[in-house]
Every structure is written in structure tokens, then in C-alpha cells.
Amino acid sequence: MNIPTRQALPPESYLILLGASLCVFNSNNAFVIENILRTDRSTLAWHDLIDLESGQLKPHVARTITKESGDSAVADLFNEVVSMRNRIIHSFQITAEDSTQMLATKVKKTHEQFRITEDYLVSFLEKNERLSSLLHEYRGF
């Protein structure tokens, strides 16, 4: 793949996982909004919800999906993937010991630093797949 930049980039396999991670999260974020709107048609508008930061959707999820289903599984998993996504988005690039590029991040409260490894990205994708399944189940399809 010919990427038009002279900046150092991680290996292609890492970039593919990173891109896929952002795409599946964005899809699930929109799916969460769709399910919120399906549950509460009275006071909410798509354009207002889509403009919110993902973490700001949490009370809407609790008030609609969690209340309607009687189960916090969607809310809990959504909160987890939002947190993981935040670590990806607010990461910084490093050069690993093997001279490859990758992302690292830190926990905001403790300042503990860790790497966004391919395993982290795969775990993120798997959690998003579970979230998508829960959202489909909630929707009834």
C-alpha cells in the first residue's frame, strides 16, 4: 500500500487493525444511537445525539436501552469500548525496541502508560462484535 506521507508509520497489519477498530466503533456508536431513538421517539433527535461525545451517550443508554431491557449488558460493554476507544484516540506514537512504530497511551487518573498492541486492538474489535450482537438482540433482529 502506498500511503502518501513521509512520516514513520506502524506496520501495515497494525494500521489495518487500527483502521478497523475505528470503523467498527463508529458503526456501533451509530447503532447505539439508533437503538436509543427507537426506544425514545419523543424527546431525542439524531442530530443532537450524533454530535455528543460517545461518553455523553451513557445517560441516554441508561434511560432507554437499560431501562427497557432491564439489563445493563449493553451499557456496561458500551462504556468499556468507549474507554478503550478513548485510549486509542488519545494515544501517542512511540518507537518500540524493534524499531517499529506503534501507539502507546496512559491511564488518565494513574498516569500508568501502556502500549496499544495488536492484541489490544483485536480485543477491542472482539468487544465491539459482542456489543453489535447485543444491540441486534435488543433491537429484535
N, C-alpha and C. Protein backbone atom coordinates (compact mmCIF):
# COMPACT_ATOMS: atom_id res chain seq x y z
N MET A 1 0.85 -1.16 0.00
CA MET A 1 0.00 0.00 0.00
C MET A 1 0.91 1.24 0.00
N ASN A 2 0.58 2.18 -0.83
CA ASN A 2 1.36 3.41 -0.90
C ASN A 2 0.61 4.52 -0.17
N ILE A 3 1.05 4.83 1.05
CA ILE A 3 0.42 5.87 1.85
C ILE A 3 1.20 7.17 1.65
N PRO A 4 0.52 8.23 1.25
CA PRO A 4 1.21 9.47 0.89
C PRO A 4 1.68 10.29 2.10
N THR A 5 2.68 9.77 2.81
CA THR A 5 3.29 10.52 3.90
C THR A 5 4.73 10.07 4.07
N ARG A 6 5.54 10.98 4.53
CA ARG A 6 6.94 10.64 4.82
C ARG A 6 7.12 10.32 6.30
N GLN A 7 6.06 10.44 7.06
CA GLN A 7 6.16 10.16 8.49
C GLN A 7 6.25 8.67 8.74
N ALA A 8 6.96 8.32 9.79
CA ALA A 8 7.10 6.91 10.16
C ALA A 8 5.74 6.37 10.60
N LEU A 9 5.38 5.21 10.09
CA LEU A 9 4.10 4.59 10.41
C LEU A 9 4.32 3.17 10.94
N PRO A 10 3.35 2.67 11.71
CA PRO A 10 3.41 1.28 12.14
C PRO A 10 3.29 0.35 10.92
N PRO A 11 3.57 -0.93 11.13
CA PRO A 11 3.42 -1.91 10.04
C PRO A 11 1.98 -1.94 9.51
N GLU A 12 1.83 -2.38 8.27
CA GLU A 12 0.53 -2.40 7.61
C GLU A 12 -0.51 -3.20 8.40
N SER A 13 -0.12 -4.34 8.97
CA SER A 13 -1.08 -5.16 9.73
C SER A 13 -1.62 -4.38 10.93
N TYR A 14 -0.79 -3.58 11.56
CA TYR A 14 -1.19 -2.75 12.70
C TYR A 14 -2.15 -1.66 12.22
N LEU A 15 -1.81 -1.03 11.11
CA LEU A 15 -2.66 0.03 10.57
C LEU A 15 -4.04 -0.49 10.19
N ILE A 16 -4.09 -1.70 9.65
CA ILE A 16 -5.38 -2.30 9.27
C ILE A 16 -6.23 -2.53 10.52
N LEU A 17 -5.63 -3.08 11.58
CA LEU A 17 -6.37 -3.28 12.83
C LEU A 17 -6.82 -1.95 13.43
N LEU A 18 -5.97 -0.96 13.35
CA LEU A 18 -6.30 0.37 13.87
C LEU A 18 -7.47 0.98 13.10
N GLY A 19 -7.41 0.91 11.79
CA GLY A 19 -8.50 1.43 10.96
C GLY A 19 -9.79 0.67 11.18
N ALA A 20 -9.70 -0.66 11.26
CA ALA A 20 -10.89 -1.47 11.51
C ALA A 20 -11.48 -1.13 12.88
N SER A 21 -10.63 -0.89 13.86
CA SER A 21 -11.10 -0.55 15.20
C SER A 21 -11.92 0.74 15.18
N LEU A 22 -11.44 1.73 14.49
CA LEU A 22 -12.16 3.00 14.41
C LEU A 22 -13.49 2.82 13.67
N CYS A 23 -13.47 2.05 12.59
CA CYS A 23 -14.69 1.84 11.80
C CYS A 23 -15.76 1.09 12.59
N VAL A 24 -15.38 0.00 13.26
CA VAL A 24 -16.39 -0.77 13.99
C VAL A 24 -16.92 0.03 15.18
N PHE A 25 -16.06 0.80 15.83
CA PHE A 25 -16.56 1.63 16.92
C PHE A 25 -17.56 2.65 16.39
N ASN A 26 -17.23 3.32 15.30
CA ASN A 26 -18.14 4.31 14.73
C ASN A 26 -19.48 3.67 14.35
N SER A 27 -19.42 2.47 13.80
CA SER A 27 -20.65 1.76 13.45
C SER A 27 -21.48 1.47 14.70
N ASN A 28 -20.84 0.97 15.75
CA ASN A 28 -21.57 0.67 16.98
C ASN A 28 -22.09 1.93 17.65
N ASN A 29 -21.33 3.01 17.61
CA ASN A 29 -21.79 4.26 18.19
C ASN A 29 -23.10 4.70 17.50
N ALA A 30 -23.12 4.60 16.18
CA ALA A 30 -24.34 4.95 15.44
C ALA A 30 -25.47 3.97 15.75
N PHE A 31 -25.14 2.69 15.95
CA PHE A 31 -26.13 1.68 16.26
C PHE A 31 -26.72 1.91 17.65
N VAL A 32 -25.89 2.34 18.59
CA VAL A 32 -26.38 2.70 19.92
C VAL A 32 -27.40 3.83 19.79
N ILE A 33 -27.04 4.86 19.00
CA ILE A 33 -27.94 5.99 18.80
C ILE A 33 -29.25 5.52 18.15
N GLU A 34 -29.15 4.66 17.16
CA GLU A 34 -30.36 4.13 16.51
C GLU A 34 -31.27 3.45 17.52
N ASN A 35 -30.68 2.66 18.41
CA ASN A 35 -31.47 1.96 19.42
C ASN A 35 -32.03 2.91 20.47
N ILE A 36 -31.31 3.94 20.83
CA ILE A 36 -31.83 4.96 21.75
C ILE A 36 -33.06 5.61 21.12
N LEU A 37 -32.93 6.00 19.86
CA LEU A 37 -34.04 6.68 19.17
C LEU A 37 -35.24 5.76 18.97
N ARG A 38 -34.97 4.49 18.72
CA ARG A 38 -36.05 3.52 18.55
C ARG A 38 -36.84 3.35 19.84
N THR A 39 -36.14 3.49 20.97
CA THR A 39 -36.77 3.31 22.28
C THR A 39 -37.49 4.58 22.72
N ASP A 40 -36.89 5.74 22.45
CA ASP A 40 -37.47 7.02 22.89
C ASP A 40 -37.60 7.95 21.69
N ARG A 41 -38.76 7.97 21.10
CA ARG A 41 -39.01 8.78 19.92
C ARG A 41 -39.49 10.20 20.26
N SER A 42 -39.72 10.47 21.52
CA SER A 42 -40.40 11.71 21.88
C SER A 42 -39.48 12.93 21.99
N THR A 43 -38.36 12.80 22.66
CA THR A 43 -37.60 14.00 23.00
C THR A 43 -36.22 14.09 22.35
N LEU A 44 -35.78 13.04 21.72
CA LEU A 44 -34.42 13.00 21.21
C LEU A 44 -34.38 13.13 19.70
N ALA A 45 -33.31 13.71 19.21
CA ALA A 45 -33.11 13.86 17.77
C ALA A 45 -31.74 13.30 17.40
N TRP A 46 -31.69 12.63 16.26
CA TRP A 46 -30.44 12.04 15.79
C TRP A 46 -29.32 13.07 15.75
N HIS A 47 -29.57 14.24 15.20
CA HIS A 47 -28.51 15.24 15.04
C HIS A 47 -27.97 15.71 16.38
N ASP A 48 -28.79 15.70 17.42
CA ASP A 48 -28.28 16.06 18.75
C ASP A 48 -27.41 14.95 19.33
N LEU A 49 -27.84 13.71 19.17
CA LEU A 49 -27.09 12.59 19.73
C LEU A 49 -25.78 12.35 18.99
N ILE A 50 -25.78 12.46 17.68
CA ILE A 50 -24.57 12.19 16.90
C ILE A 50 -23.49 13.22 17.20
N ASP A 51 -23.90 14.42 17.64
CA ASP A 51 -22.93 15.46 17.98
C ASP A 51 -22.30 15.28 19.36
N LEU A 52 -22.88 14.40 20.18
CA LEU A 52 -22.34 14.17 21.51
C LEU A 52 -21.06 13.35 21.45
N GLU A 53 -20.16 13.60 22.38
CA GLU A 53 -19.04 12.68 22.57
C GLU A 53 -19.63 11.36 23.03
N SER A 54 -19.02 10.27 22.67
CA SER A 54 -19.59 8.95 22.95
C SER A 54 -19.88 8.76 24.43
N GLY A 55 -18.99 9.21 25.30
CA GLY A 55 -19.22 9.08 26.73
C GLY A 55 -20.46 9.81 27.21
N GLN A 56 -20.86 10.84 26.49
CA GLN A 56 -22.05 11.59 26.86
C GLN A 56 -23.34 10.87 26.47
N LEU A 57 -23.22 9.76 25.76
CA LEU A 57 -24.39 8.94 25.45
C LEU A 57 -24.79 8.04 26.61
N LYS A 58 -23.90 7.86 27.58
CA LYS A 58 -24.15 6.93 28.68
C LYS A 58 -25.48 7.15 29.39
N PRO A 59 -25.84 8.39 29.76
CA PRO A 59 -27.14 8.54 30.44
C PRO A 59 -28.32 8.23 29.52
N HIS A 60 -28.17 8.47 28.24
CA HIS A 60 -29.24 8.15 27.28
C HIS A 60 -29.40 6.64 27.15
N VAL A 61 -28.28 5.92 27.16
CA VAL A 61 -28.33 4.45 27.11
C VAL A 61 -29.03 3.92 28.36
N ALA A 62 -28.67 4.47 29.51
CA ALA A 62 -29.27 4.02 30.77
C ALA A 62 -30.77 4.28 30.79
N ARG A 63 -31.17 5.44 30.30
CA ARG A 63 -32.57 5.84 30.36
C ARG A 63 -33.44 5.10 29.33
N THR A 64 -32.82 4.58 28.30
CA THR A 64 -33.59 3.92 27.24
C THR A 64 -33.31 2.43 27.18
N ILE A 65 -32.17 2.05 26.68
CA ILE A 65 -31.86 0.63 26.43
C ILE A 65 -31.84 -0.16 27.73
N THR A 66 -31.13 0.34 28.74
CA THR A 66 -31.03 -0.40 30.01
C THR A 66 -32.40 -0.48 30.68
N LYS A 67 -33.12 0.63 30.71
CA LYS A 67 -34.44 0.64 31.35
C LYS A 67 -35.41 -0.28 30.63
N GLU A 68 -35.43 -0.22 29.31
CA GLU A 68 -36.36 -1.02 28.52
C GLU A 68 -36.05 -2.52 28.61
N SER A 69 -34.76 -2.87 28.58
CA SER A 69 -34.38 -4.28 28.59
C SER A 69 -34.28 -4.86 30.00
N GLY A 70 -34.11 -3.98 30.99
CA GLY A 70 -33.93 -4.46 32.35
C GLY A 70 -32.57 -5.07 32.58
N ASP A 71 -31.63 -4.78 31.68
CA ASP A 71 -30.30 -5.38 31.72
C ASP A 71 -29.27 -4.31 31.37
N SER A 72 -28.18 -4.27 32.09
CA SER A 72 -27.15 -3.27 31.84
C SER A 72 -26.02 -3.77 30.94
N ALA A 73 -26.19 -4.92 30.29
CA ALA A 73 -25.12 -5.51 29.49
C ALA A 73 -24.67 -4.57 28.37
N VAL A 74 -25.62 -3.96 27.65
CA VAL A 74 -25.26 -3.03 26.57
C VAL A 74 -24.52 -1.84 27.14
N ALA A 75 -25.06 -1.25 28.20
CA ALA A 75 -24.43 -0.07 28.81
C ALA A 75 -23.03 -0.39 29.31
N ASP A 76 -22.87 -1.51 29.98
CA ASP A 76 -21.57 -1.88 30.53
C ASP A 76 -20.53 -2.09 29.43
N LEU A 77 -20.92 -2.81 28.39
CA LEU A 77 -19.98 -3.08 27.30
C LEU A 77 -19.71 -1.81 26.49
N PHE A 78 -20.73 -1.00 26.27
CA PHE A 78 -20.52 0.27 25.57
C PHE A 78 -19.55 1.15 26.35
N ASN A 79 -19.72 1.24 27.66
CA ASN A 79 -18.79 2.03 28.47
C ASN A 79 -17.37 1.51 28.35
N GLU A 80 -17.21 0.20 28.32
CA GLU A 80 -15.88 -0.39 28.20
C GLU A 80 -15.24 -0.06 26.85
N VAL A 81 -16.00 -0.19 25.76
CA VAL A 81 -15.41 0.10 24.45
C VAL A 81 -15.17 1.60 24.28
N VAL A 82 -15.99 2.44 24.88
CA VAL A 82 -15.74 3.88 24.84
C VAL A 82 -14.41 4.19 25.53
N SER A 83 -14.19 3.58 26.67
CA SER A 83 -12.94 3.79 27.40
C SER A 83 -11.74 3.31 26.59
N MET A 84 -11.87 2.14 25.98
CA MET A 84 -10.77 1.61 25.15
C MET A 84 -10.54 2.50 23.94
N ARG A 85 -11.62 2.94 23.30
CA ARG A 85 -11.50 3.83 22.14
C ARG A 85 -10.82 5.13 22.54
N ASN A 86 -11.16 5.65 23.72
CA ASN A 86 -10.51 6.88 24.18
C ASN A 86 -9.01 6.71 24.33
N ARG A 87 -8.60 5.54 24.79
CA ARG A 87 -7.16 5.29 24.94
C ARG A 87 -6.49 5.26 23.56
N ILE A 88 -7.19 4.72 22.56
CA ILE A 88 -6.64 4.69 21.19
C ILE A 88 -6.56 6.12 20.65
N ILE A 89 -7.64 6.87 20.76
CA ILE A 89 -7.69 8.22 20.20
C ILE A 89 -6.71 9.15 20.89
N HIS A 90 -6.56 9.03 22.19
CA HIS A 90 -5.68 9.92 22.95
C HIS A 90 -4.30 9.31 23.17
N SER A 91 -3.88 8.51 22.22
CA SER A 91 -2.58 7.85 22.32
C SER A 91 -1.49 8.73 21.72
N PHE A 92 -0.27 8.24 21.83
CA PHE A 92 0.88 8.91 21.24
C PHE A 92 1.74 7.83 20.58
N GLN A 93 2.45 8.23 19.55
CA GLN A 93 3.24 7.26 18.80
C GLN A 93 4.61 7.08 19.45
N ILE A 94 5.07 5.83 19.47
CA ILE A 94 6.39 5.51 20.00
C ILE A 94 7.14 4.63 19.01
N THR A 95 8.43 4.53 19.23
CA THR A 95 9.26 3.58 18.51
C THR A 95 9.58 2.45 19.49
N ALA A 96 9.15 1.24 19.14
CA ALA A 96 9.37 0.09 20.00
C ALA A 96 10.83 -0.35 19.92
N GLU A 97 11.18 -1.29 20.79
CA GLU A 97 12.57 -1.77 20.85
C GLU A 97 13.04 -2.36 19.53
N ASP A 98 12.11 -2.91 18.74
CA ASP A 98 12.48 -3.48 17.45
C ASP A 98 12.46 -2.44 16.32
N SER A 99 12.37 -1.16 16.70
CA SER A 99 12.38 0.00 15.79
C SER A 99 11.09 0.18 15.01
N THR A 100 10.03 -0.60 15.31
CA THR A 100 8.76 -0.38 14.64
C THR A 100 7.98 0.70 15.39
N GLN A 101 7.08 1.31 14.66
CA GLN A 101 6.22 2.33 15.23
C GLN A 101 4.96 1.67 15.78
N MET A 102 4.44 2.22 16.86
CA MET A 102 3.18 1.78 17.44
C MET A 102 2.64 2.88 18.32
N LEU A 103 1.44 2.70 18.80
CA LEU A 103 0.83 3.68 19.69
C LEU A 103 0.97 3.23 21.13
N ALA A 104 1.06 4.21 22.00
CA ALA A 104 1.03 3.97 23.44
C ALA A 104 0.07 4.99 24.04
N THR A 105 -0.33 4.74 25.26
CA THR A 105 -1.28 5.63 25.91
C THR A 105 -1.01 5.62 27.40
N LYS A 106 -1.79 6.36 28.14
CA LYS A 106 -1.68 6.32 29.59
C LYS A 106 -3.06 6.41 30.21
N VAL A 107 -3.17 5.82 31.37
CA VAL A 107 -4.41 5.90 32.12
C VAL A 107 -4.47 7.30 32.71
N LYS A 108 -5.56 7.99 32.46
CA LYS A 108 -5.67 9.40 32.85
C LYS A 108 -5.47 9.62 34.35
N LYS A 109 -6.10 8.80 35.17
CA LYS A 109 -6.05 9.03 36.63
C LYS A 109 -4.73 8.60 37.25
N THR A 110 -4.17 7.48 36.78
CA THR A 110 -2.96 6.95 37.42
C THR A 110 -1.68 7.30 36.68
N HIS A 111 -1.83 7.77 35.46
CA HIS A 111 -0.70 8.07 34.57
C HIS A 111 0.10 6.83 34.17
N GLU A 112 -0.45 5.64 34.44
CA GLU A 112 0.20 4.40 34.02
C GLU A 112 0.20 4.34 32.50
N GLN A 113 1.38 4.12 31.92
CA GLN A 113 1.49 4.05 30.47
C GLN A 113 1.45 2.60 30.01
N PHE A 114 0.86 2.39 28.85
CA PHE A 114 0.87 1.06 28.24
C PHE A 114 0.78 1.20 26.73
N ARG A 115 1.13 0.14 26.06
CA ARG A 115 1.13 0.14 24.60
C ARG A 115 -0.20 -0.34 24.04
N ILE A 116 -0.58 0.26 22.93
CA ILE A 116 -1.74 -0.20 22.18
C ILE A 116 -1.20 -1.26 21.22
N THR A 117 -1.21 -2.49 21.68
CA THR A 117 -0.65 -3.59 20.90
C THR A 117 -1.68 -4.13 19.92
N GLU A 118 -1.24 -4.99 19.03
CA GLU A 118 -2.19 -5.65 18.14
C GLU A 118 -3.19 -6.47 18.95
N ASP A 119 -2.76 -7.08 20.05
CA ASP A 119 -3.67 -7.83 20.90
C ASP A 119 -4.74 -6.91 21.50
N TYR A 120 -4.36 -5.70 21.90
CA TYR A 120 -5.32 -4.73 22.42
C TYR A 120 -6.35 -4.40 21.35
N LEU A 121 -5.89 -4.17 20.13
CA LEU A 121 -6.80 -3.84 19.03
C LEU A 121 -7.73 -5.00 18.70
N VAL A 122 -7.21 -6.22 18.71
CA VAL A 122 -8.05 -7.40 18.46
C VAL A 122 -9.09 -7.54 19.58
N SER A 123 -8.69 -7.34 20.82
CA SER A 123 -9.63 -7.40 21.94
C SER A 123 -10.72 -6.33 21.78
N PHE A 124 -10.33 -5.15 21.35
CA PHE A 124 -11.27 -4.06 21.11
C PHE A 124 -12.28 -4.46 20.02
N LEU A 125 -11.77 -5.05 18.94
CA LEU A 125 -12.65 -5.50 17.86
C LEU A 125 -13.62 -6.58 18.35
N GLU A 126 -13.13 -7.51 19.15
CA GLU A 126 -13.98 -8.59 19.67
C GLU A 126 -15.08 -8.04 20.58
N LYS A 127 -14.73 -7.07 21.42
CA LYS A 127 -15.73 -6.47 22.31
C LYS A 127 -16.77 -5.71 21.50
N ASN A 128 -16.34 -5.05 20.45
CA ASN A 128 -17.29 -4.36 19.58
C ASN A 128 -18.20 -5.34 18.87
N GLU A 129 -17.69 -6.51 18.51
CA GLU A 129 -18.52 -7.54 17.88
C GLU A 129 -19.59 -8.01 18.86
N ARG A 130 -19.21 -8.21 20.14
CA ARG A 130 -20.19 -8.60 21.16
C ARG A 130 -21.22 -7.49 21.37
N LEU A 131 -20.76 -6.24 21.37
CA LEU A 131 -21.68 -5.11 21.53
C LEU A 131 -22.67 -5.08 20.37
N SER A 132 -22.20 -5.27 19.16
CA SER A 132 -23.08 -5.29 18.00
C SER A 132 -24.12 -6.39 18.13
N SER A 133 -23.70 -7.56 18.57
CA SER A 133 -24.65 -8.66 18.76
C SER A 133 -25.70 -8.33 19.82
N LEU A 134 -25.28 -7.72 20.92
CA LEU A 134 -26.24 -7.32 21.96
C LEU A 134 -27.23 -6.27 21.43
N LEU A 135 -26.73 -5.34 20.64
CA LEU A 135 -27.60 -4.31 20.09
C LEU A 135 -28.60 -4.91 19.09
N HIS A 136 -28.14 -5.88 18.28
CA HIS A 136 -29.07 -6.56 17.37
C HIS A 136 -30.12 -7.33 18.16
N GLU A 137 -29.68 -8.00 19.21
CA GLU A 137 -30.62 -8.75 20.05
C GLU A 137 -31.64 -7.81 20.69
N TYR A 138 -31.16 -6.67 21.19
CA TYR A 138 -32.08 -5.69 21.78
C TYR A 138 -33.09 -5.19 20.77
N ARG A 139 -32.61 -4.93 19.58
CA ARG A 139 -33.49 -4.42 18.52
C ARG A 139 -34.49 -5.48 18.06
N GLY A 140 -34.15 -6.74 18.28
CA GLY A 140 -35.08 -7.81 17.95
C GLY A 140 -34.82 -8.46 16.62
N PHE A 141 -33.66 -8.27 16.04
CA PHE A 141 -33.32 -8.90 14.76
C PHE A 141 -32.26 -9.94 14.98
